[in-house]
Amino acid sequence: QQLGAVKPKLTDMVDAALKMLTKD
């Protein structure tokens, strides 16, 4: 459906989560 710019995949979410959790 060519929604790659709208819907995050699991790897996108894990990447964002780790950036949040590892900043401290």
PDB file of all heavy atoms in Angstrom:
ATOM      1  N   GLN A   1       0.808  -1.214   0.000  1.00  0.00           N
ATOM      2  CA  GLN A   1       0.000   0.000   0.000  1.00  0.00           C
ATOM      3  C   GLN A   1       0.847   1.272   0.000  1.00  0.00           C
ATOM      4  O   GLN A   1       0.311   2.370   0.096  1.00  0.00           O
ATOM      5  CB  GLN A   1      -0.939  -0.012   1.216  1.00  0.00           C
ATOM      6  CG  GLN A   1      -1.904  -1.183   1.214  1.00  0.00           C
ATOM      7  CD  GLN A   1      -2.765  -1.230   2.473  1.00  0.00           C
ATOM      8  OE1 GLN A   1      -3.117  -0.194   3.041  1.00  0.00           O
ATOM      9  NE2 GLN A   1      -3.096  -2.431   2.922  1.00  0.00           N
ATOM     10  N   GLN A   2       2.170   1.068  -0.087  1.00  0.00           N
ATOM     11  CA  GLN A   2       3.114   2.192  -0.146  1.00  0.00           C
ATOM     12  C   GLN A   2       2.892   3.164   1.022  1.00  0.00           C
ATOM     13  O   GLN A   2       2.810   4.376   0.845  1.00  0.00           O
ATOM     14  CB  GLN A   2       2.997   2.919  -1.489  1.00  0.00           C
ATOM     15  CG  GLN A   2       3.350   2.027  -2.678  1.00  0.00           C
ATOM     16  CD  GLN A   2       3.279   2.755  -4.012  1.00  0.00           C
ATOM     17  OE1 GLN A   2       2.605   3.766  -4.159  1.00  0.00           O
ATOM     18  NE2 GLN A   2       4.003   2.242  -4.996  1.00  0.00           N
ATOM     19  N   LEU A   3       2.813   2.581   2.212  1.00  0.00           N
ATOM     20  CA  LEU A   3       2.581   3.363   3.417  1.00  0.00           C
ATOM     21  C   LEU A   3       3.830   3.472   4.283  1.00  0.00           C
ATOM     22  O   LEU A   3       3.756   3.818   5.458  1.00  0.00           O
ATOM     23  CB  LEU A   3       1.448   2.726   4.241  1.00  0.00           C
ATOM     24  CG  LEU A   3       0.060   2.766   3.594  1.00  0.00           C
ATOM     25  CD1 LEU A   3      -0.933   1.962   4.425  1.00  0.00           C
ATOM     26  CD2 LEU A   3      -0.417   4.203   3.435  1.00  0.00           C
ATOM     27  N   GLY A   4       4.970   3.184   3.682  1.00  0.00           N
ATOM     28  CA  GLY A   4       6.218   3.202   4.438  1.00  0.00           C
ATOM     29  C   GLY A   4       6.572   4.551   5.023  1.00  0.00           C
ATOM     30  O   GLY A   4       7.317   4.634   5.996  1.00  0.00           O
ATOM     31  N   ALA A   5       6.027   5.629   4.445  1.00  0.00           N
ATOM     32  CA  ALA A   5       6.304   6.965   4.983  1.00  0.00           C
ATOM     33  C   ALA A   5       5.336   7.351   6.087  1.00  0.00           C
ATOM     34  O   ALA A   5       5.525   8.361   6.768  1.00  0.00           O
ATOM     35  CB  ALA A   5       6.240   7.998   3.857  1.00  0.00           C
ATOM     36  N   VAL A   6       4.278   6.532   6.268  1.00  0.00           N
ATOM     37  CA  VAL A   6       3.226   6.868   7.234  1.00  0.00           C
ATOM     38  C   VAL A   6       3.211   5.903   8.418  1.00  0.00           C
ATOM     39  O   VAL A   6       3.080   6.314   9.570  1.00  0.00           O
ATOM     40  CB  VAL A   6       1.839   6.856   6.551  1.00  0.00           C
ATOM     41  CG1 VAL A   6       0.740   7.179   7.557  1.00  0.00           C
ATOM     42  CG2 VAL A   6       1.815   7.835   5.384  1.00  0.00           C
ATOM     43  N   LYS A   7       3.351   4.609   8.126  1.00  0.00           N
ATOM     44  CA  LYS A   7       3.234   3.589   9.155  1.00  0.00           C
ATOM     45  C   LYS A   7       4.614   3.062   9.562  1.00  0.00           C
ATOM     46  O   LYS A   7       5.340   2.496   8.741  1.00  0.00           O
ATOM     47  CB  LYS A   7       2.390   2.413   8.645  1.00  0.00           C
ATOM     48  CG  LYS A   7       0.968   2.790   8.252  1.00  0.00           C
ATOM     49  CD  LYS A   7       0.147   3.177   9.477  1.00  0.00           C
ATOM     50  CE  LYS A   7      -1.304   3.437   9.092  1.00  0.00           C
ATOM     51  NZ  LYS A   7      -2.122   3.833  10.274  1.00  0.00           N
ATOM     52  N   PRO A   8       4.993   3.213  10.818  1.00  0.00           N
ATOM     53  CA  PRO A   8       6.287   2.673  11.245  1.00  0.00           C
ATOM     54  C   PRO A   8       6.240   1.154  11.358  1.00  0.00           C
ATOM     55  O   PRO A   8       5.209   0.580  11.747  1.00  0.00           O
ATOM     56  CB  PRO A   8       6.482   3.308  12.623  1.00  0.00           C
ATOM     57  CG  PRO A   8       5.103   3.561  13.130  1.00  0.00           C
ATOM     58  CD  PRO A   8       4.287   3.902  11.913  1.00  0.00           C
ATOM     59  N   LYS A   9       7.318   0.513  10.993  1.00  0.00           N
ATOM     60  CA  LYS A   9       7.459  -0.922  11.190  1.00  0.00           C
ATOM     61  C   LYS A   9       8.094  -1.166  12.562  1.00  0.00           C
ATOM     62  O   LYS A   9       8.475  -0.229  13.261  1.00  0.00           O
ATOM     63  CB  LYS A   9       8.300  -1.532  10.073  1.00  0.00           C
ATOM     64  CG  LYS A   9       7.638  -1.438   8.697  1.00  0.00           C
ATOM     65  CD  LYS A   9       8.465  -2.137   7.630  1.00  0.00           C
ATOM     66  CE  LYS A   9       7.780  -2.077   6.266  1.00  0.00           C
ATOM     67  NZ  LYS A   9       8.560  -2.767   5.210  1.00  0.00           N
ATOM     68  N   LEU A  10       8.206  -2.432  12.934  1.00  0.00           N
ATOM     69  CA  LEU A  10       8.718  -2.762  14.262  1.00  0.00           C
ATOM     70  C   LEU A  10      10.118  -2.203  14.478  1.00  0.00           C
ATOM     71  O   LEU A  10      10.425  -1.650  15.545  1.00  0.00           O
ATOM     72  CB  LEU A  10       8.708  -4.279  14.471  1.00  0.00           C
ATOM     73  CG  LEU A  10       9.039  -4.745  15.884  1.00  0.00           C
ATOM     74  CD1 LEU A  10       7.956  -4.318  16.863  1.00  0.00           C
ATOM     75  CD2 LEU A  10       9.224  -6.264  15.922  1.00  0.00           C
ATOM     76  N   THR A  11      10.982  -2.321  13.482  1.00  0.00           N
ATOM     77  CA  THR A  11      12.344  -1.808  13.618  1.00  0.00           C
ATOM     78  C   THR A  11      12.349  -0.301  13.827  1.00  0.00           C
ATOM     79  O   THR A  11      13.147   0.224  14.616  1.00  0.00           O
ATOM     80  CB  THR A  11      13.176  -2.176  12.378  1.00  0.00           C
ATOM     81  OG1 THR A  11      13.206  -3.596  12.237  1.00  0.00           O
ATOM     82  CG2 THR A  11      14.608  -1.682  12.513  1.00  0.00           C
ATOM     83  N   ASP A  12      11.460   0.424  13.157  1.00  0.00           N
ATOM     84  CA  ASP A  12      11.360   1.877  13.350  1.00  0.00           C
ATOM     85  C   ASP A  12      11.012   2.201  14.797  1.00  0.00           C
ATOM     86  O   ASP A  12      11.575   3.133  15.395  1.00  0.00           O
ATOM     87  CB  ASP A  12      10.292   2.468  12.426  1.00  0.00           C
ATOM     88  CG  ASP A  12      10.592   2.265  10.949  1.00  0.00           C
ATOM     89  OD1 ASP A  12      11.761   2.429  10.569  1.00  0.00           O
ATOM     90  OD2 ASP A  12       9.657   1.940  10.195  1.00  0.00           O
ATOM     91  N   MET A  13      10.077   1.445  15.355  1.00  0.00           N
ATOM     92  CA  MET A  13       9.647   1.711  16.726  1.00  0.00           C
ATOM     93  C   MET A  13      10.741   1.371  17.737  1.00  0.00           C
ATOM     94  O   MET A  13      10.961   2.110  18.706  1.00  0.00           O
ATOM     95  CB  MET A  13       8.364   0.940  17.032  1.00  0.00           C
ATOM     96  CG  MET A  13       7.144   1.480  16.295  1.00  0.00           C
ATOM     97  SD  MET A  13       5.585   0.748  16.860  1.00  0.00           S
ATOM     98  CE  MET A  13       5.563  -0.763  15.908  1.00  0.00           C
ATOM     99  N   VAL A  14      11.439   0.261  17.520  1.00  0.00           N
ATOM    100  CA  VAL A  14      12.526  -0.114  18.429  1.00  0.00           C
ATOM    101  C   VAL A  14      13.651   0.916  18.372  1.00  0.00           C
ATOM    102  O   VAL A  14      14.217   1.301  19.396  1.00  0.00           O
ATOM    103  CB  VAL A  14      13.049  -1.524  18.092  1.00  0.00           C
ATOM    104  CG1 VAL A  14      14.334  -1.835  18.859  1.00  0.00           C
ATOM    105  CG2 VAL A  14      11.977  -2.570  18.406  1.00  0.00           C
ATOM    106  N   ASP A  15      13.966   1.376  17.181  1.00  0.00           N
ATOM    107  CA  ASP A  15      15.000   2.398  17.016  1.00  0.00           C
ATOM    108  C   ASP A  15      14.639   3.657  17.796  1.00  0.00           C
ATOM    109  O   ASP A  15      15.464   4.206  18.549  1.00  0.00           O
ATOM    110  CB  ASP A  15      15.168   2.713  15.529  1.00  0.00           C
ATOM    111  CG  ASP A  15      16.294   3.696  15.252  1.00  0.00           C
ATOM    112  OD1 ASP A  15      17.331   3.626  15.933  1.00  0.00           O
ATOM    113  OD2 ASP A  15      16.130   4.543  14.365  1.00  0.00           O
ATOM    114  N   ALA A  16      13.402   4.122  17.643  1.00  0.00           N
ATOM    115  CA  ALA A  16      12.962   5.329  18.350  1.00  0.00           C
ATOM    116  C   ALA A  16      12.953   5.113  19.854  1.00  0.00           C
ATOM    117  O   ALA A  16      13.356   5.998  20.631  1.00  0.00           O
ATOM    118  CB  ALA A  16      11.576   5.727  17.862  1.00  0.00           C
ATOM    119  N   ALA A  17      12.498   3.946  20.291  1.00  0.00           N
ATOM    120  CA  ALA A  17      12.438   3.656  21.727  1.00  0.00           C
ATOM    121  C   ALA A  17      13.828   3.675  22.353  1.00  0.00           C
ATOM    122  O   ALA A  17      14.027   4.237  23.438  1.00  0.00           O
ATOM    123  CB  ALA A  17      11.764   2.308  21.957  1.00  0.00           C
ATOM    124  N   LEU A  18      14.789   3.066  21.675  1.00  0.00           N
ATOM    125  CA  LEU A  18      16.142   3.026  22.226  1.00  0.00           C
ATOM    126  C   LEU A  18      16.785   4.406  22.250  1.00  0.00           C
ATOM    127  O   LEU A  18      17.557   4.729  23.166  1.00  0.00           O
ATOM    128  CB  LEU A  18      17.001   2.040  21.432  1.00  0.00           C
ATOM    129  CG  LEU A  18      16.661   0.563  21.691  1.00  0.00           C
ATOM    130  CD1 LEU A  18      17.443  -0.342  20.752  1.00  0.00           C
ATOM    131  CD2 LEU A  18      16.942   0.190  23.143  1.00  0.00           C
ATOM    132  N   LYS A  19      16.489   5.232  21.283  1.00  0.00           N
ATOM    133  CA  LYS A  19      17.000   6.606  21.317  1.00  0.00           C
ATOM    134  C   LYS A  19      16.450   7.357  22.525  1.00  0.00           C
ATOM    135  O   LYS A  19      17.151   8.153  23.156  1.00  0.00           O
ATOM    136  CB  LYS A  19      16.637   7.334  20.026  1.00  0.00           C
ATOM    137  CG  LYS A  19      17.441   6.870  18.820  1.00  0.00           C
ATOM    138  CD  LYS A  19      16.966   7.537  17.533  1.00  0.00           C
ATOM    139  CE  LYS A  19      17.781   7.042  16.338  1.00  0.00           C
ATOM    140  NZ  LYS A  19      17.277   7.579  15.049  1.00  0.00           N
ATOM    141  N   MET A  20      15.198   7.093  22.852  1.00  0.00           N
ATOM    142  CA  MET A  20      14.593   7.722  24.021  1.00  0.00           C
ATOM    143  C   MET A  20      15.204   7.194  25.314  1.00  0.00           C
ATOM    144  O   MET A  20      15.530   7.957  26.230  1.00  0.00           O
ATOM    145  CB  MET A  20      13.085   7.467  24.030  1.00  0.00           C
ATOM    146  CG  MET A  20      12.278   8.358  23.116  1.00  0.00           C
ATOM    147  SD  MET A  20      12.106  10.041  23.771  1.00  0.00           S
ATOM    148  CE  MET A  20      11.184   9.727  25.282  1.00  0.00           C
ATOM    149  N   LEU A  21      15.359   5.890  25.398  1.00  0.00           N
ATOM    150  CA  LEU A  21      15.751   5.270  26.663  1.00  0.00           C
ATOM    151  C   LEU A  21      17.244   5.352  26.954  1.00  0.00           C
ATOM    152  O   LEU A  21      17.662   5.252  28.110  1.00  0.00           O
ATOM    153  CB  LEU A  21      15.307   3.803  26.677  1.00  0.00           C
ATOM    154  CG  LEU A  21      13.795   3.563  26.621  1.00  0.00           C
ATOM    155  CD1 LEU A  21      13.492   2.084  26.480  1.00  0.00           C
ATOM    156  CD2 LEU A  21      13.115   4.126  27.860  1.00  0.00           C
ATOM    157  N   THR A  22      18.052   5.526  25.922  1.00  0.00           N
ATOM    158  CA  THR A  22      19.506   5.524  26.116  1.00  0.00           C
ATOM    159  C   THR A  22      20.109   6.909  26.209  1.00  0.00           C
ATOM    160  O   THR A  22      21.322   7.052  26.355  1.00  0.00           O
ATOM    161  CB  THR A  22      20.203   4.768  24.967  1.00  0.00           C
ATOM    162  OG1 THR A  22      19.888   5.404  23.719  1.00  0.00           O
ATOM    163  CG2 THR A  22      19.757   3.323  24.915  1.00  0.00           C
ATOM    164  N   LYS A  23      19.303   7.949  26.156  1.00  0.00           N
ATOM    165  CA  LYS A  23      19.879   9.307  26.147  1.00  0.00           C
ATOM    166  C   LYS A  23      20.549   9.653  27.478  1.00  0.00           C
ATOM    167  O   LYS A  23      21.508  10.424  27.513  1.00  0.00           O
ATOM    168  CB  LYS A  23      18.801  10.338  25.817  1.00  0.00           C
ATOM    169  CG  LYS A  23      17.656  10.414  26.816  1.00  0.00           C
ATOM    170  CD  LYS A  23      16.625  11.432  26.358  1.00  0.00           C
ATOM    171  CE  LYS A  23      15.471  11.514  27.335  1.00  0.00           C
ATOM    172  NZ  LYS A  23      14.475  12.516  26.896  1.00  0.00           N
ATOM    173  N   ASP A  24      20.047   9.094  28.581  1.00  0.00           N
ATOM    174  CA  ASP A  24      20.690   9.295  29.879  1.00  0.00           C
ATOM    175  C   ASP A  24      21.662   8.144  30.088  1.00  0.00           C
ATOM    176  O   ASP A  24      21.276   7.051  30.480  1.00  0.00           O
ATOM    177  CB  ASP A  24      19.641   9.327  30.985  1.00  0.00           C
ATOM    178  CG  ASP A  24      20.238   9.675  32.352  1.00  0.00           C
ATOM    179  OD1 ASP A  24      21.472   9.595  32.491  1.00  0.00           O
ATOM    180  OD2 ASP A  24      19.464  10.020  33.265  1.00  0.00           O
TER     181      ASP A  24
END
